[in-house]
Amino acid sequence: FTYASTDYTRYRTDKLDISDEFQNVIDTIRLYNDDKIRCVLNKADCVTREQLVRVYGSLMWSMGKIFDTPEVVRVYTGSYWNGALTNDDFQHMFEKDEKLLVRELLDLPRCSAERKINLVVHRIRLVKVHVCILGTLRGMTPYWFGKEKSREHILDNLDSIMNDARIKFDLSKGDMPDPEKFAQRLEKFPDFRVFPSIDRGLISRFDMLIEKD
């Protein structure tokens, strides 16, 4: 599921119950793919106008409990078979949603390529952030004497040190790691001199990949 372009979950107006097994599947999918998930509400012509409003609201309420995000999951409503509609009150909406769904399916190859490019760019930005932070920590660590004292100072003031590095190297605030979690990882290293020094040429190549390639 992680590498899928889009994940579709299918529901029927008469079967909206989400079992524990189905919720486990959704939880597994959404671990890295919240923005990829769509809902398809099938057999929407089998209920009246008032019933459909209640069914749609119930589905959105159920999805809201699972996803726990302010963003609304995209729902395609219709009757996805070749027969005539049982209730045509919302025929125009069904036809519109069907066209939108087909268009999204046709656009999946292009969207998949764009998503992969964006993912690569994001990873390059994260690598650049870590190169700059670790290089900064190395530069603050003496060669011989005072390493332990310097290490304690870095860990105690990691938040401000990371913020200074962000400003110095013009890093995005959204790409910065959580200081507390980063400090926990740093605890495993007794000597910060083991980190690579800052390579301006490498940083320039990162910038070129992000901005041009």
Protein backbone atom coordinates (compact mmCIF):
# COMPACT_ATOMS: atom_id res chain seq x y z
CA PHE A 1 0.00 0.00 0.00
CA THR A 2 2.88 2.38 0.77
CA TYR A 3 3.89 2.52 -2.89
CA ALA A 4 0.36 2.74 -4.32
CA SER A 5 -0.58 5.97 -6.08
CA THR A 6 -4.03 6.07 -4.48
CA ASP A 7 -5.93 3.74 -2.16
CA TYR A 8 -9.71 3.37 -2.57
CA THR A 9 -12.01 2.06 0.16
CA ARG A 10 -15.45 0.93 -1.04
CA TYR A 11 -18.71 1.12 0.89
CA ARG A 12 -22.39 0.36 0.26
CA THR A 13 -25.24 2.48 1.58
CA ASP A 14 -26.66 -0.58 3.33
CA LYS A 15 -23.32 -1.75 4.77
CA LEU A 16 -21.51 1.15 6.42
CA ASP A 17 -20.34 -0.80 9.46
CA ILE A 18 -16.56 -0.78 9.76
CA SER A 19 -15.39 -4.05 11.28
CA ASP A 20 -12.26 -4.34 13.40
CA GLU A 21 -10.53 -6.17 10.56
CA PHE A 22 -11.41 -3.45 8.04
CA GLN A 23 -10.28 -0.74 10.44
CA ASN A 24 -6.95 -2.54 10.86
CA VAL A 25 -6.56 -2.51 7.07
CA ILE A 26 -7.33 1.21 6.93
CA ASP A 27 -4.93 1.93 9.80
CA THR A 28 -2.20 0.03 7.96
CA ILE A 29 -2.84 1.96 4.75
CA ARG A 30 -2.99 5.37 6.35
CA LEU A 31 0.30 4.93 8.22
CA TYR A 32 2.09 6.72 5.38
CA ASN A 33 -0.75 7.42 2.96
CA ASP A 34 -3.35 9.71 4.53
CA ASP A 35 -3.39 11.94 1.45
CA LYS A 36 -3.86 8.98 -0.92
CA ILE A 37 -7.05 7.50 0.52
CA ARG A 38 -10.44 7.93 -1.19
CA CYS A 39 -13.87 6.51 -0.35
CA VAL A 40 -16.34 5.15 -2.89
CA LEU A 41 -19.96 5.06 -1.71
CA ASN A 42 -21.71 2.56 -3.97
CA LYS A 43 -25.45 1.84 -4.47
CA ALA A 44 -26.32 5.39 -3.46
CA ASP A 45 -29.37 5.24 -5.76
CA CYS A 46 -31.00 2.59 -3.54
CA VAL A 47 -31.95 5.10 -0.86
CA THR A 48 -34.11 8.22 -0.79
CA ARG A 49 -32.80 11.77 -0.72
CA GLU A 50 -33.18 12.03 3.07
CA GLN A 51 -31.62 8.62 3.65
CA LEU A 52 -28.63 9.43 1.47
CA VAL A 53 -27.94 12.59 3.45
CA ARG A 54 -27.94 10.53 6.66
CA VAL A 55 -25.82 7.78 5.12
CA TYR A 56 -23.27 10.27 3.80
CA GLY A 57 -23.10 11.99 7.19
CA SER A 58 -22.68 8.67 8.95
CA LEU A 59 -19.84 7.68 6.63
CA MET A 60 -18.02 10.98 7.16
CA TRP A 61 -18.47 10.65 10.93
CA SER A 62 -17.00 7.14 10.85
CA MET A 63 -14.08 8.26 8.69
CA GLY A 64 -13.47 11.22 10.97
CA LYS A 65 -13.11 8.88 13.96
CA ILE A 66 -10.60 6.70 12.11
CA PHE A 67 -8.46 9.40 10.51
CA ASP A 68 -8.66 11.96 13.33
CA THR A 69 -7.57 14.76 10.98
CA PRO A 70 -9.20 18.07 10.01
CA GLU A 71 -9.01 17.15 6.32
CA VAL A 72 -12.12 15.54 4.86
CA VAL A 73 -11.64 12.26 3.00
CA ARG A 74 -12.76 12.53 -0.64
CA VAL A 75 -15.94 10.52 -1.21
CA TYR A 76 -17.20 9.50 -4.66
CA THR A 77 -20.93 8.82 -4.51
CA GLY A 78 -22.87 6.87 -7.14
CA SER A 79 -24.16 3.56 -8.41
CA TYR A 80 -21.30 1.79 -10.10
CA TRP A 81 -22.98 -0.72 -12.37
CA ASN A 82 -24.50 -0.69 -15.86
CA GLY A 83 -28.16 -0.87 -14.78
CA ALA A 84 -30.63 1.98 -14.49
CA LEU A 85 -30.75 4.06 -11.31
CA THR A 86 -33.32 2.98 -8.75
CA ASN A 87 -33.68 6.55 -7.49
CA ASP A 88 -32.54 9.34 -9.80
CA ASP A 89 -32.85 12.29 -7.38
CA PHE A 90 -29.09 12.73 -7.42
CA GLN A 91 -28.39 11.52 -10.96
CA HIS A 92 -26.46 14.67 -11.88
CA MET A 93 -24.23 14.34 -8.80
CA PHE A 94 -23.68 10.62 -9.46
CA GLU A 95 -22.64 11.27 -13.05
CA LYS A 96 -20.34 14.10 -12.00
CA ASP A 97 -18.65 11.99 -9.32
CA GLU A 98 -18.25 9.10 -11.74
CA LYS A 99 -16.50 11.35 -14.26
CA LEU A 100 -14.24 12.75 -11.55
CA LEU A 101 -13.38 9.23 -10.36
CA VAL A 102 -12.57 8.04 -13.88
CA ARG A 103 -10.46 11.17 -14.46
CA GLU A 104 -8.52 10.57 -11.27
CA LEU A 105 -7.87 6.95 -12.26
CA LEU A 106 -6.63 8.06 -15.69
CA ASP A 107 -4.35 10.64 -14.06
CA LEU A 108 -2.76 8.14 -11.67
CA PRO A 109 0.40 7.53 -13.76
CA ARG A 110 1.14 11.27 -14.02
CA CYS A 111 0.29 11.93 -10.37
CA SER A 112 2.41 8.96 -9.31
CA ALA A 113 5.45 10.37 -11.12
CA GLU A 114 4.93 13.80 -9.55
CA ARG A 115 4.53 12.23 -6.11
CA LYS A 116 7.76 10.28 -6.49
CA ILE A 117 9.64 13.41 -7.55
CA ASN A 118 8.27 15.34 -4.59
CA LEU A 119 9.22 12.47 -2.28
CA VAL A 120 12.81 12.44 -3.59
CA VAL A 121 13.06 16.22 -3.18
CA HIS A 122 11.73 15.96 0.37
CA ARG A 123 14.30 13.31 1.24
CA ILE A 124 17.12 15.42 -0.21
CA ARG A 125 16.00 18.34 1.95
CA LEU A 126 16.02 16.10 5.04
CA VAL A 127 19.51 14.83 4.22
CA LYS A 128 20.69 18.42 3.82
CA VAL A 129 19.21 19.32 7.21
CA HIS A 130 21.00 16.45 8.94
CA VAL A 131 24.29 17.21 7.18
CA CYS A 132 24.12 20.82 8.38
CA ILE A 133 23.13 19.98 11.95
CA LEU A 134 25.65 17.18 12.44
CA GLY A 135 28.39 19.26 10.83
CA THR A 136 27.57 22.09 13.23
CA LEU A 137 27.79 19.75 16.23
CA ARG A 138 31.13 18.45 15.02
CA GLY A 139 32.44 22.00 14.67
CA MET A 140 31.43 22.76 18.27
CA THR A 141 33.31 19.72 19.63
CA PRO A 142 37.00 20.19 20.52
CA TYR A 143 39.65 17.81 19.18
CA TRP A 144 41.12 16.74 22.50
CA PHE A 145 40.22 18.28 25.85
CA GLY A 146 36.76 19.32 26.98
CA LYS A 147 34.78 16.94 24.79
CA GLU A 148 32.49 15.76 27.57
CA LYS A 149 31.74 19.30 28.75
CA SER A 150 31.08 20.39 25.17
CA ARG A 151 28.80 17.40 24.64
CA GLU A 152 26.76 18.25 27.72
CA HIS A 153 26.45 21.87 26.59
CA ILE A 154 25.24 20.77 23.13
CA LEU A 155 22.63 18.39 24.50
CA ASP A 156 21.37 21.00 27.00
CA ASN A 157 21.08 23.68 24.34
CA LEU A 158 20.25 21.58 21.29
CA ASP A 159 17.04 23.47 20.48
CA SER A 160 18.78 26.85 20.13
CA ILE A 161 21.77 25.29 18.35
CA MET A 162 19.49 23.68 15.78
CA ASN A 163 17.63 26.96 15.30
CA ASP A 164 20.93 28.81 14.72
CA ALA A 165 21.91 26.17 12.14
CA ARG A 166 18.52 26.54 10.45
CA ILE A 167 19.03 30.29 10.08
CA LYS A 168 22.68 29.98 9.03
CA PHE A 169 22.00 27.45 6.27
CA ASP A 170 18.55 28.77 5.31
CA LEU A 171 16.76 25.52 6.19
CA SER A 172 13.00 25.09 6.23
CA LYS A 173 11.51 25.01 9.73
CA GLY A 174 9.18 22.21 8.67
CA ASP A 175 12.15 20.00 7.74
CA MET A 176 13.84 20.30 11.14
CA PRO A 177 13.76 17.22 13.38
CA ASP A 178 12.18 17.27 16.83
CA PRO A 179 14.91 18.46 19.26
CA GLU A 180 13.96 16.04 22.04
CA LYS A 181 13.92 12.98 19.77
CA PHE A 182 17.11 14.14 18.06
CA ALA A 183 18.81 14.52 21.46
CA GLN A 184 17.84 10.96 22.34
CA ARG A 185 19.58 9.73 19.20
CA LEU A 186 22.64 11.85 19.95
CA GLU A 187 22.93 10.26 23.40
CA LYS A 188 24.21 7.12 21.66
CA PHE A 189 27.32 8.98 20.42
CA PRO A 190 29.99 9.67 23.08
CA ASP A 191 32.04 11.81 20.68
CA PHE A 192 30.43 14.20 18.18
CA ARG A 193 33.70 14.45 16.27
CA VAL A 194 32.67 11.24 14.48
CA PHE A 195 30.10 13.24 12.50
CA PRO A 196 31.13 14.49 9.04
CA SER A 197 32.28 18.07 8.76
CA ILE A 198 30.23 20.57 6.77
CA ASP A 199 30.92 20.25 3.04
CA ARG A 200 29.83 23.43 1.27
CA GLY A 201 30.19 21.75 -2.10
CA LEU A 202 27.84 18.95 -1.06
CA ILE A 203 25.29 21.45 0.25
CA SER A 204 25.47 23.34 -3.05
CA ARG A 205 24.79 20.11 -4.93
CA PHE A 206 21.79 19.45 -2.69
CA ASP A 207 20.47 22.94 -3.52
CA MET A 208 20.99 22.33 -7.22
CA LEU A 209 19.04 19.08 -7.08
CA ILE A 210 16.19 20.71 -5.16
CA GLU A 211 15.93 23.88 -7.25
CA LYS A 212 16.88 22.76 -10.76
CA ASP A 213 16.88 19.02 -11.41
